[in-house]
């Protein structure tokens, strides 16, 4: 009787192993870094410097623009400082050819 159960379990194990599928983890391709990534890090860092007591709760890249020799990146950051929540439009202007920073401007939004 014991031998019958043993053969049954072995047969069942082979059946399950033979019909199961192996699930492979999804393969992640290389993620492309957006062209504005350098400027978004700068915008966040400069915003943290300008508003040291505020937490950045949201971030959005709004636009990229070229004006002749200048490149412009615009970001909207949402900040919370104590009970006050407000948006800040950060405009980063740089030399398009060299990538040298020219200025960072801030405009508070309601």
PDB file of N, CA and C in Angstrom:
ATOM      1  N   UNK A   1       0.828  -1.190   0.000  1.00  0.00           N
ATOM      2  CA  UNK A   1       0.000   0.000   0.000  1.00  0.00           C
ATOM      3  C   UNK A   1       0.872   1.252   0.000  1.00  0.00           C
ATOM      4  N   UNK A   2       1.918   1.265   0.796  1.00  0.00           N
ATOM      5  CA  UNK A   2       2.824   2.401   0.896  1.00  0.00           C
ATOM      6  C   UNK A   2       3.531   2.633  -0.448  1.00  0.00           C
ATOM      7  N   UNK A   3       3.892   1.578  -1.133  1.00  0.00           N
ATOM      8  CA  UNK A   3       4.564   1.690  -2.424  1.00  0.00           C
ATOM      9  C   UNK A   3       3.646   2.318  -3.459  1.00  0.00           C
ATOM     10  N   UNK A   4       2.345   2.041  -3.366  1.00  0.00           N
ATOM     11  CA  UNK A   4       1.371   2.605  -4.310  1.00  0.00           C
ATOM     12  C   UNK A   4       1.296   4.122  -4.122  1.00  0.00           C
ATOM     13  N   UNK A   5       1.222   4.564  -2.850  1.00  0.00           N
ATOM     14  CA  UNK A   5       1.170   6.003  -2.585  1.00  0.00           C
ATOM     15  C   UNK A   5       2.447   6.702  -3.043  1.00  0.00           C
ATOM     16  N   UNK A   6       3.577   6.037  -2.836  1.00  0.00           N
ATOM     17  CA  UNK A   6       4.855   6.618  -3.235  1.00  0.00           C
ATOM     18  C   UNK A   6       4.908   6.805  -4.751  1.00  0.00           C
ATOM     19  N   UNK A   7       4.477   5.789  -5.503  1.00  0.00           N
ATOM     20  CA  UNK A   7       4.467   5.889  -6.966  1.00  0.00           C
ATOM     21  C   UNK A   7       3.467   6.954  -7.417  1.00  0.00           C
ATOM     22  N   UNK A   8       2.336   7.045  -6.710  1.00  0.00           N
ATOM     23  CA  UNK A   8       1.319   8.037  -7.043  1.00  0.00           C
ATOM     24  C   UNK A   8       1.863   9.458  -6.855  1.00  0.00           C
ATOM     25  N   UNK A   9       2.553   9.701  -5.746  1.00  0.00           N
ATOM     26  CA  UNK A   9       3.145  11.016  -5.483  1.00  0.00           C
ATOM     27  C   UNK A   9       4.233  11.353  -6.495  1.00  0.00           C
ATOM     28  N   UNK A  10       5.034  10.365  -6.863  1.00  0.00           N
ATOM     29  CA  UNK A  10       6.082  10.597  -7.860  1.00  0.00           C
ATOM     30  C   UNK A  10       5.455  10.942  -9.210  1.00  0.00           C
ATOM     31  N   UNK A  11       4.427  10.190  -9.594  1.00  0.00           N
ATOM     32  CA  UNK A  11       3.740  10.437 -10.862  1.00  0.00           C
ATOM     33  C   UNK A  11       3.084  11.818 -10.851  1.00  0.00           C
ATOM     34  N   UNK A  12       2.470  12.154  -9.719  1.00  0.00           N
ATOM     35  CA  UNK A  12       1.826  13.463  -9.586  1.00  0.00           C
ATOM     36  C   UNK A  12       2.869  14.581  -9.659  1.00  0.00           C
ATOM     37  N   UNK A  13       4.017  14.391  -9.020  1.00  0.00           N
ATOM     38  CA  UNK A  13       5.107  15.381  -9.058  1.00  0.00           C
ATOM     39  C   UNK A  13       5.622  15.586 -10.468  1.00  0.00           C
ATOM     40  N   UNK A  14       5.782  14.496 -11.220  1.00  0.00           N
ATOM     41  CA  UNK A  14       6.253  14.587 -12.610  1.00  0.00           C
ATOM     42  C   UNK A  14       5.211  15.305 -13.464  1.00  0.00           C
ATOM     43  N   UNK A  15       3.945  15.003 -13.232  1.00  0.00           N
ATOM     44  CA  UNK A  15       2.866  15.625 -13.984  1.00  0.00           C
ATOM     45  C   UNK A  15       2.825  17.132 -13.728  1.00  0.00           C
ATOM     46  N   UNK A  16       2.903  17.522 -12.473  1.00  0.00           N
ATOM     47  CA  UNK A  16       2.865  18.944 -12.126  1.00  0.00           C
ATOM     48  C   UNK A  16       4.103  19.652 -12.660  1.00  0.00           C
ATOM     49  N   UNK A  17       5.263  19.077 -12.496  1.00  0.00           N
ATOM     50  CA  UNK A  17       6.507  19.690 -12.968  1.00  0.00           C
ATOM     51  C   UNK A  17       6.524  19.806 -14.488  1.00  0.00           C
ATOM     52  N   UNK A  18       5.969  18.834 -15.150  1.00  0.00           N
ATOM     53  CA  UNK A  18       5.970  18.848 -16.616  1.00  0.00           C
ATOM     54  C   UNK A  18       4.999  19.843 -17.206  1.00  0.00           C
ATOM     55  N   UNK A  19       3.932  20.164 -16.482  1.00  0.00           N
ATOM     56  CA  UNK A  19       2.928  21.068 -17.036  1.00  0.00           C
ATOM     57  C   UNK A  19       3.052  22.494 -16.519  1.00  0.00           C
ATOM     58  N   UNK A  20       3.862  22.688 -15.512  1.00  0.00           N
ATOM     59  CA  UNK A  20       3.986  24.049 -14.981  1.00  0.00           C
ATOM     60  C   UNK A  20       4.852  24.881 -15.915  1.00  0.00           C
ATOM     61  N   UNK A  21       4.593  26.158 -15.924  1.00  0.00           N
ATOM     62  CA  UNK A  21       5.394  27.053 -16.746  1.00  0.00           C
ATOM     63  C   UNK A  21       6.315  27.852 -15.845  1.00  0.00           C
ATOM     64  N   UNK A  22       7.446  28.148 -16.369  1.00  0.00           N
ATOM     65  CA  UNK A  22       8.397  28.952 -15.623  1.00  0.00           C
ATOM     66  C   UNK A  22       8.115  30.404 -15.948  1.00  0.00           C
ATOM     67  N   UNK A  23       7.905  31.175 -14.908  1.00  0.00           N
ATOM     68  CA  UNK A  23       7.625  32.596 -15.090  1.00  0.00           C
ATOM     69  C   UNK A  23       8.929  33.351 -14.909  1.00  0.00           C
ATOM     70  N   UNK A  24       9.342  33.989 -15.969  1.00  0.00           N
ATOM     71  CA  UNK A  24      10.576  34.765 -15.913  1.00  0.00           C
ATOM     72  C   UNK A  24      10.229  36.203 -15.587  1.00  0.00           C
ATOM     73  N   UNK A  25      11.096  36.850 -14.834  1.00  0.00           N
ATOM     74  CA  UNK A  25      10.839  38.263 -14.544  1.00  0.00           C
ATOM     75  C   UNK A  25      10.923  39.069 -15.828  1.00  0.00           C
ATOM     76  N   UNK A  26      10.147  40.144 -15.902  1.00  0.00           N
ATOM     77  CA  UNK A  26      10.202  40.956 -17.125  1.00  0.00           C
ATOM     78  C   UNK A  26      11.590  41.556 -17.309  1.00  0.00           C
ATOM     79  N   UNK A  27      11.984  41.638 -18.534  1.00  0.00           N
ATOM     80  CA  UNK A  27      13.292  42.199 -18.848  1.00  0.00           C
ATOM     81  C   UNK A  27      13.103  43.693 -19.059  1.00  0.00           C
ATOM     82  N   UNK A  28      13.831  44.443 -18.269  1.00  0.00           N
ATOM     83  CA  UNK A  28      13.743  45.891 -18.409  1.00  0.00           C
ATOM     84  C   UNK A  28      14.821  46.354 -19.361  1.00  0.00           C
ATOM     85  N   UNK A  29      14.398  47.043 -20.385  1.00  0.00           N
ATOM     86  CA  UNK A  29      15.366  47.592 -21.323  1.00  0.00           C
ATOM     87  C   UNK A  29      16.049  48.787 -20.684  1.00  0.00           C
ATOM     88  N   UNK A  30      16.998  49.312 -21.367  1.00  0.00           N
ATOM     89  CA  UNK A  30      17.652  50.505 -20.868  1.00  0.00           C
ATOM     90  C   UNK A  30      16.649  51.645 -20.868  1.00  0.00           C
ATOM     91  N   UNK A  31      16.536  52.287 -19.734  1.00  0.00           N
ATOM     92  CA  UNK A  31      15.658  53.438 -19.654  1.00  0.00           C
ATOM     93  C   UNK A  31      16.406  54.657 -20.189  1.00  0.00           C
ATOM     94  N   UNK A  32      15.760  55.378 -21.067  1.00  0.00           N
ATOM     95  CA  UNK A  32      16.390  56.561 -21.625  1.00  0.00           C
ATOM     96  C   UNK A  32      16.279  57.705 -20.630  1.00  0.00           C
ATOM     97  N   UNK A  33      17.348  58.406 -20.440  1.00  0.00           N
ATOM     98  CA  UNK A  33      17.361  59.576 -19.581  1.00  0.00           C
ATOM     99  C   UNK A  33      16.931  60.761 -20.441  1.00  0.00           C
ATOM    100  N   UNK A  34      15.885  61.471 -20.021  1.00  0.00           N
ATOM    101  CA  UNK A  34      15.435  62.601 -20.841  1.00  0.00           C
ATOM    102  C   UNK A  34      16.504  63.691 -20.915  1.00  0.00           C
ATOM    103  N   UNK A  35      16.475  64.451 -21.995  1.00  0.00           N
ATOM    104  CA  UNK A  35      17.474  65.497 -22.215  1.00  0.00           C
ATOM    105  C   UNK A  35      17.430  66.559 -21.122  1.00  0.00           C
ATOM    106  N   UNK A  36      16.278  66.750 -20.505  1.00  0.00           N
ATOM    107  CA  UNK A  36      16.138  67.788 -19.485  1.00  0.00           C
ATOM    108  C   UNK A  36      16.495  67.300 -18.079  1.00  0.00           C
ATOM    109  N   UNK A  37      16.945  66.066 -17.919  1.00  0.00           N
ATOM    110  CA  UNK A  37      17.218  65.499 -16.593  1.00  0.00           C
ATOM    111  C   UNK A  37      18.224  66.332 -15.797  1.00  0.00           C
ATOM    112  N   UNK A  38      19.285  66.757 -16.452  1.00  0.00           N
ATOM    113  CA  UNK A  38      20.303  67.577 -15.784  1.00  0.00           C
ATOM    114  C   UNK A  38      19.682  68.844 -15.223  1.00  0.00           C
ATOM    115  N   UNK A  39      18.802  69.461 -16.018  1.00  0.00           N
ATOM    116  CA  UNK A  39      18.200  70.728 -15.612  1.00  0.00           C
ATOM    117  C   UNK A  39      17.112  70.522 -14.566  1.00  0.00           C
ATOM    118  N   UNK A  40      16.456  69.391 -14.585  1.00  0.00           N
ATOM    119  CA  UNK A  40      15.442  69.134 -13.549  1.00  0.00           C
ATOM    120  C   UNK A  40      16.112  68.953 -12.191  1.00  0.00           C
ATOM    121  N   UNK A  41      17.247  68.249 -12.156  1.00  0.00           N
ATOM    122  CA  UNK A  41      17.982  68.105 -10.894  1.00  0.00           C
ATOM    123  C   UNK A  41      18.415  69.474 -10.372  1.00  0.00           C
ATOM    124  N   UNK A  42      18.885  70.326 -11.287  1.00  0.00           N
ATOM    125  CA  UNK A  42      19.300  71.673 -10.900  1.00  0.00           C
ATOM    126  C   UNK A  42      18.107  72.478 -10.386  1.00  0.00           C
ATOM    127  N   UNK A  43      16.979  72.405 -11.074  1.00  0.00           N
ATOM    128  CA  UNK A  43      15.779  73.143 -10.659  1.00  0.00           C
ATOM    129  C   UNK A  43      15.331  72.712  -9.264  1.00  0.00           C
ATOM    130  N   UNK A  44      15.350  71.409  -9.009  1.00  0.00           N
ATOM    131  CA  UNK A  44      14.955  70.898  -7.696  1.00  0.00           C
ATOM    132  C   UNK A  44      15.939  71.371  -6.632  1.00  0.00           C
ATOM    133  N   UNK A  45      17.224  71.276  -6.920  1.00  0.00           N
ATOM    134  CA  UNK A  45      18.254  71.670  -5.956  1.00  0.00           C
ATOM    135  C   UNK A  45      18.153  73.164  -5.638  1.00  0.00           C
ATOM    136  N   UNK A  46      17.979  73.994  -6.658  1.00  0.00           N
ATOM    137  CA  UNK A  46      17.883  75.434  -6.446  1.00  0.00           C
ATOM    138  C   UNK A  46      16.591  75.807  -5.701  1.00  0.00           C
ATOM    139  N   UNK A  47      15.522  75.077  -5.958  1.00  0.00           N
ATOM    140  CA  UNK A  47      14.260  75.320  -5.249  1.00  0.00           C
ATOM    141  C   UNK A  47      14.418  74.964  -3.774  1.00  0.00           C
ATOM    142  N   UNK A  48      15.102  73.862  -3.500  1.00  0.00           N
ATOM    143  CA  UNK A  48      15.341  73.472  -2.111  1.00  0.00           C
ATOM    144  C   UNK A  48      16.205  74.531  -1.412  1.00  0.00           C
ATOM    145  N   UNK A  49      17.134  75.129  -2.133  1.00  0.00           N
ATOM    146  CA  UNK A  49      17.991  76.165  -1.578  1.00  0.00           C
ATOM    147  C   UNK A  49      17.185  77.438  -1.296  1.00  0.00           C
ATOM    148  N   UNK A  50      16.321  77.805  -2.241  1.00  0.00           N
ATOM    149  CA  UNK A  50      15.517  79.027  -2.100  1.00  0.00           C
ATOM    150  C   UNK A  50      14.430  78.872  -1.038  1.00  0.00           C
ATOM    151  N   UNK A  51      13.863  77.680  -0.905  1.00  0.00           N
ATOM    152  CA  UNK A  51      12.798  77.407   0.064  1.00  0.00           C
ATOM    153  C   UNK A  51      13.258  76.288   1.008  1.00  0.00           C
ATOM    154  N   UNK A  52      14.190  76.584   1.908  1.00  0.00           N
ATOM    155  CA  UNK A  52      14.794  75.528   2.731  1.00  0.00           C
ATOM    156  C   UNK A  52      13.843  74.855   3.721  1.00  0.00           C
ATOM    157  N   UNK A  53      12.751  75.523   4.086  1.00  0.00           N
ATOM    158  CA  UNK A  53      11.829  74.955   5.068  1.00  0.00           C
ATOM    159  C   UNK A  53      10.618  74.292   4.418  1.00  0.00           C
ATOM    160  N   UNK A  54      10.613  74.212   3.112  1.00  0.00           N
ATOM    161  CA  UNK A  54       9.489  73.621   2.379  1.00  0.00           C
ATOM    162  C   UNK A  54       9.853  72.233   1.875  1.00  0.00           C
ATOM    163  N   UNK A  55       8.852  71.380   1.765  1.00  0.00           N
ATOM    164  CA  UNK A  55       9.016  70.058   1.158  1.00  0.00           C
ATOM    165  C   UNK A  55       8.461  70.103  -0.260  1.00  0.00           C
ATOM    166  N   UNK A  56       9.185  69.521  -1.193  1.00  0.00           N
ATOM    167  CA  UNK A  56       8.691  69.422  -2.564  1.00  0.00           C
ATOM    168  C   UNK A  56       7.793  68.198  -2.624  1.00  0.00           C
ATOM    169  N   UNK A  57       6.522  68.409  -2.955  1.00  0.00           N
ATOM    170  CA  UNK A  57       5.572  67.302  -2.964  1.00  0.00           C
ATOM    171  C   UNK A  57       5.210  66.838  -4.366  1.00  0.00           C
ATOM    172  N   UNK A  58       5.510  67.653  -5.379  1.00  0.00           N
ATOM    173  CA  UNK A  58       5.191  67.250  -6.750  1.00  0.00           C
ATOM    174  C   UNK A  58       6.134  67.983  -7.697  1.00  0.00           C
ATOM    175  N   UNK A  59       6.277  67.411  -8.898  1.00  0.00           N
ATOM    176  CA  UNK A  59       7.224  67.934  -9.881  1.00  0.00           C
ATOM    177  C   UNK A  59       6.680  67.630 -11.267  1.00  0.00           C
ATOM    178  N   UNK A  60       6.832  68.594 -12.176  1.00  0.00           N
ATOM    179  CA  UNK A  60       6.397  68.381 -13.552  1.00  0.00           C
ATOM    180  C   UNK A  60       7.305  69.155 -14.493  1.00  0.00           C
ATOM    181  N   UNK A  61       7.808  68.473 -15.524  1.00  0.00           N
ATOM    182  CA  UNK A  61       8.538  69.163 -16.585  1.00  0.00           C
ATOM    183  C   UNK A  61       7.483  69.712 -17.516  1.00  0.00           C
ATOM    184  N   UNK A  62       7.495  71.015 -17.722  1.00  0.00           N
ATOM    185  CA  UNK A  62       6.450  71.652 -18.530  1.00  0.00           C
ATOM    186  C   UNK A  62       6.857  71.766 -19.990  1.00  0.00           C
ATOM    187  N   UNK A  63       8.067  72.283 -20.243  1.00  0.00           N
ATOM    188  CA  UNK A  63       8.434  72.528 -21.642  1.00  0.00           C
ATOM    189  C   UNK A  63       9.939  72.675 -21.821  1.00  0.00           C
ATOM    190  N   UNK A  64      10.363  72.381 -23.037  1.00  0.00           N
ATOM    191  CA  UNK A  64      11.719  72.665 -23.503  1.00  0.00           C
ATOM    192  C   UNK A  64      11.588  73.641 -24.650  1.00  0.00           C
ATOM    193  N   UNK A  65      12.494  74.597 -24.710  1.00  0.00           N
ATOM    194  CA  UNK A  65      12.409  75.588 -25.771  1.00  0.00           C
ATOM    195  C   UNK A  65      13.814  76.030 -26.155  1.00  0.00           C
ATOM    196  N   UNK A  66      13.995  76.370 -27.404  1.00  0.00           N
ATOM    197  CA  UNK A  66      15.262  76.924 -27.875  1.00  0.00           C
ATOM    198  C   UNK A  66      14.992  78.312 -28.417  1.00  0.00           C
ATOM    199  N   UNK A  67      15.794  79.242 -27.968  1.00  0.00           N
ATOM    200  CA  UNK A  67      15.672  80.617 -28.462  1.00  0.00           C
ATOM    201  C   UNK A  67      17.035  81.023 -28.989  1.00  0.00           C
ATOM    202  N   UNK A  68      17.303  80.637 -30.231  1.00  0.00           N
ATOM    203  CA  UNK A  68      18.604  80.944 -30.818  1.00  0.00           C
ATOM    204  C   UNK A  68      19.711  80.178 -30.117  1.00  0.00           C
ATOM    205  N   UNK A  69      20.580  80.895 -29.448  1.00  0.00           N
ATOM    206  CA  UNK A  69      21.704  80.278 -28.768  1.00  0.00           C
ATOM    207  C   UNK A  69      21.356  79.812 -27.352  1.00  0.00           C
ATOM    208  N   UNK A  70      20.131  80.085 -26.925  1.00  0.00           N
ATOM    209  CA  UNK A  70      19.720  79.750 -25.569  1.00  0.00           C
ATOM    210  C   UNK A  70      18.775  78.552 -25.546  1.00  0.00           C
ATOM    211  N   UNK A  71      18.924  77.746 -24.526  1.00  0.00           N
ATOM    212  CA  UNK A  71      17.978  76.674 -24.259  1.00  0.00           C
ATOM    213  C   UNK A  71      17.216  77.033 -22.998  1.00  0.00           C
ATOM    214  N   UNK A  72      15.934  76.704 -22.967  1.00  0.00           N
ATOM    215  CA  UNK A  72      15.104  77.021 -21.812  1.00  0.00           C
ATOM    216  C   UNK A  72      14.323  75.772 -21.415  1.00  0.00           C
ATOM    217  N   UNK A  73      14.365  75.445 -20.139  1.00  0.00           N
ATOM    218  CA  UNK A  73      13.580  74.341 -19.587  1.00  0.00           C
ATOM    219  C   UNK A  73      12.684  74.909 -18.500  1.00  0.00           C
ATOM    220  N   UNK A  74      11.411  74.500 -18.512  1.00  0.00           N
ATOM    221  CA  UNK A  74      10.459  74.994 -17.504  1.00  0.00           C
ATOM    222  C   UNK A  74       9.916  73.822 -16.703  1.00  0.00           C
ATOM    223  N   UNK A  75       9.839  74.044 -15.399  1.00  0.00           N
ATOM    224  CA  UNK A  75       9.365  73.029 -14.465  1.00  0.00           C
ATOM    225  C   UNK A  75       8.372  73.658 -13.501  1.00  0.00           C
ATOM    226  N   UNK A  76       7.393  72.861 -13.081  1.00  0.00           N
ATOM    227  CA  UNK A  76       6.487  73.292 -12.022  1.00  0.00           C
ATOM    228  C   UNK A  76       6.701  72.378 -10.834  1.00  0.00           C
ATOM    229  N   UNK A  77       7.003  72.974  -9.709  1.00  0.00           N
ATOM    230  CA  UNK A  77       7.178  72.215  -8.479  1.00  0.00           C
ATOM    231  C   UNK A  77       6.104  72.659  -7.501  1.00  0.00           C
ATOM    232  N   UNK A  78       5.556  71.704  -6.765  1.00  0.00           N
ATOM    233  CA  UNK A  78       4.554  72.007  -5.757  1.00  0.00           C
ATOM    234  C   UNK A  78       5.216  71.828  -4.403  1.00  0.00           C
ATOM    235  N   UNK A  79       5.106  72.860  -3.556  1.00  0.00           N
ATOM    236  CA  UNK A  79       5.784  72.865  -2.275  1.00  0.00           C
ATOM    237  C   UNK A  79       4.782  72.962  -1.124  1.00  0.00           C
ATOM    238  N   UNK A  80       5.201  72.425   0.007  1.00  0.00           N
ATOM    239  CA  UNK A  80       4.402  72.541   1.224  1.00  0.00           C
ATOM    240  C   UNK A  80       5.325  73.035   2.326  1.00  0.00           C
ATOM    241  N   UNK A  81       4.934  74.154   2.912  1.00  0.00           N
ATOM    242  CA  UNK A  81       5.710  74.764   3.991  1.00  0.00           C
ATOM    243  C   UNK A  81       4.744  75.036   5.136  1.00  0.00           C
ATOM    244  N   UNK A  82       4.841  74.233   6.179  1.00  0.00           N
ATOM    245  CA  UNK A  82       3.905  74.242   7.304  1.00  0.00           C
ATOM    246  C   UNK A  82       2.496  74.018   6.761  1.00  0.00           C
ATOM    247  N   UNK A  83       1.582  74.987   6.907  1.00  0.00           N
ATOM    248  CA  UNK A  83       0.213  74.779   6.412  1.00  0.00           C
ATOM    249  C   UNK A  83       0.005  75.374   5.021  1.00  0.00           C
ATOM    250  N   UNK A  84       1.029  75.979   4.474  1.00  0.00           N
ATOM    251  CA  UNK A  84       0.939  76.638   3.166  1.00  0.00           C
ATOM    252  C   UNK A  84       1.382  75.693   2.056  1.00  0.00           C
ATOM    253  N   UNK A  85       0.556  75.583   1.020  1.00  0.00           N
ATOM    254  CA  UNK A  85       0.925  74.833  -0.187  1.00  0.00           C
ATOM    255  C   UNK A  85       0.915  75.801  -1.353  1.00  0.00           C
ATOM    256  N   UNK A  86       1.938  75.712  -2.198  1.00  0.00           N
ATOM    257  CA  UNK A  86       2.027  76.630  -3.324  1.00  0.00           C
ATOM    258  C   UNK A  86       2.884  76.021  -4.420  1.00  0.00           C
ATOM    259  N   UNK A  87       2.684  76.533  -5.615  1.00  0.00           N
ATOM    260  CA  UNK A  87       3.456  76.087  -6.760  1.00  0.00           C
ATOM    261  C   UNK A  87       4.557  77.077  -7.071  1.00  0.00           C
ATOM    262  N   UNK A  88       5.599  76.579  -7.676  1.00  0.00           N
ATOM    263  CA  UNK A  88       6.703  77.427  -8.120  1.00  0.00           C
ATOM    264  C   UNK A  88       7.034  77.032  -9.554  1.00  0.00           C
ATOM    265  N   UNK A  89       7.012  78.020 -10.434  1.00  0.00           N
ATOM    266  CA  UNK A  89       7.432  77.807 -11.814  1.00  0.00           C
ATOM    267  C   UNK A  89       8.920  78.124 -11.857  1.00  0.00           C
ATOM    268  N   UNK A  90       9.730  77.148 -12.243  1.00  0.00           N
ATOM    269  CA  UNK A  90      11.178  77.327 -12.299  1.00  0.00           C
ATOM    270  C   UNK A  90      11.588  77.307 -13.770  1.00  0.00           C
ATOM    271  N   UNK A  91      12.236  78.376 -14.182  1.00  0.00           N
ATOM    272  CA  UNK A  91      12.719  78.483 -15.558  1.00  0.00           C
ATOM    273  C   UNK A  91      14.242  78.468 -15.540  1.00  0.00           C
ATOM    274  N   UNK A  92      14.810  77.494 -16.236  1.00  0.00           N
ATOM    275  CA  UNK A  92      16.270  77.353 -16.315  1.00  0.00           C
ATOM    276  C   UNK A  92      16.697  77.752 -17.724  1.00  0.00           C
ATOM    277  N   UNK A  93      17.583  78.728 -17.800  1.00  0.00           N
ATOM    278  CA  UNK A  93      18.099  79.184 -19.089  1.00  0.00           C
ATOM    279  C   UNK A  93      19.580  78.837 -19.155  1.00  0.00           C
ATOM    280  N   UNK A  94      20.007  78.290 -20.288  1.00  0.00           N
ATOM    281  CA  UNK A  94      21.392  77.846 -20.456  1.00  0.00           C
ATOM    282  C   UNK A  94      21.842  78.067 -21.893  1.00  0.00           C
ATOM    283  N   UNK A  95      23.151  78.057 -22.091  1.00  0.00           N
ATOM    284  CA  UNK A  95      23.715  78.185 -23.440  1.00  0.00           C
ATOM    285  C   UNK A  95      23.525  76.842 -24.141  1.00  0.00           C
ATOM    286  N   UNK A  96      22.808  76.857 -25.242  1.00  0.00           N
ATOM    287  CA  UNK A  96      22.470  75.615 -25.939  1.00  0.00           C
ATOM    288  C   UNK A  96      23.709  74.862 -26.438  1.00  0.00           C
ATOM    289  N   UNK A  97      24.690  75.573 -26.903  1.00  0.00           N
ATOM    290  CA  UNK A  97      25.865  74.923 -27.482  1.00  0.00           C
ATOM    291  C   UNK A  97      26.789  74.321 -26.423  1.00  0.00           C
ATOM    292  N   UNK A  98      26.990  75.054 -25.331  1.00  0.00           N
ATOM    293  CA  UNK A  98      27.949  74.604 -24.310  1.00  0.00           C
ATOM    294  C   UNK A  98      27.287  73.925 -23.114  1.00  0.00           C
ATOM    295  N   UNK A  99      25.991  74.167 -22.920  1.00  0.00           N
ATOM    296  CA  UNK A  99      25.302  73.613 -21.761  1.00  0.00           C
ATOM    297  C   UNK A  99      25.596  74.373 -20.482  1.00  0.00           C
ATOM    298  N   UNK A 100      26.185  75.557 -20.606  1.00  0.00           N
ATOM    299  CA  UNK A 100      26.531  76.368 -19.438  1.00  0.00           C
ATOM    300  C   UNK A 100      25.285  77.073 -18.912  1.00  0.00           C
ATOM    301  N   UNK A 101      25.083  77.000 -17.595  1.00  0.00           N
ATOM    302  CA  UNK A 101      23.940  77.642 -16.957  1.00  0.00           C
ATOM    303  C   UNK A 101      24.052  79.155 -17.060  1.00  0.00           C
ATOM    304  N   UNK A 102      22.954  79.787 -17.423  1.00  0.00           N
ATOM    305  CA  UNK A 102      22.923  81.251 -17.493  1.00  0.00           C
ATOM    306  C   UNK A 102      22.148  81.810 -16.300  1.00  0.00           C
ATOM    307  N   UNK A 103      20.932  81.299 -16.060  1.00  0.00           N
ATOM    308  CA  UNK A 103      20.146  81.790 -14.915  1.00  0.00           C
ATOM    309  C   UNK A 103      19.026  80.806 -14.562  1.00  0.00           C
ATOM    310  N   UNK A 104      18.563  80.932 -13.322  1.00  0.00           N
ATOM    311  CA  UNK A 104      17.410  80.183 -12.832  1.00  0.00           C
ATOM    312  C   UNK A 104      16.437  81.223 -12.267  1.00  0.00           C
ATOM    313  N   UNK A 105      15.202  81.168 -12.750  1.00  0.00           N
ATOM    314  CA  UNK A 105      14.186  82.119 -12.294  1.00  0.00           C
ATOM    315  C   UNK A 105      13.048  81.383 -11.623  1.00  0.00           C
ATOM    316  N   UNK A 106      12.466  82.022 -10.601  1.00  0.00           N
ATOM    317  CA  UNK A 106      11.369  81.439  -9.839  1.00  0.00           C
ATOM    318  C   UNK A 106      10.156  82.348  -9.911  1.00  0.00           C
ATOM    319  N   UNK A 107       8.992  81.748 -10.044  1.00  0.00           N
ATOM    320  CA  UNK A 107       7.741  82.490 -10.006  1.00  0.00           C
ATOM    321  C   UNK A 107       6.758  81.672  -9.173  1.00  0.00           C
ATOM    322  N   UNK A 108       6.304  82.241  -8.060  1.00  0.00           N
ATOM    323  CA  UNK A 108       5.354  81.526  -7.205  1.00  0.00           C
ATOM    324  C   UNK A 108       3.967  81.544  -7.849  1.00  0.00           C
ATOM    325  N   UNK A 109       3.276  80.422  -7.737  1.00  0.00           N
ATOM    326  CA  UNK A 109       1.938  80.263  -8.284  1.00  0.00           C
ATOM    327  C   UNK A 109       0.959  80.024  -7.126  1.00  0.00           C
ATOM    328  N   UNK A 110      -0.277  80.404  -7.316  1.00  0.00           N
ATOM    329  CA  UNK A 110      -1.300  80.154  -6.293  1.00  0.00           C
ATOM    330  C   UNK A 110      -1.819  78.743  -6.401  1.00  0.00           C
TER     331      UNK A 110
END
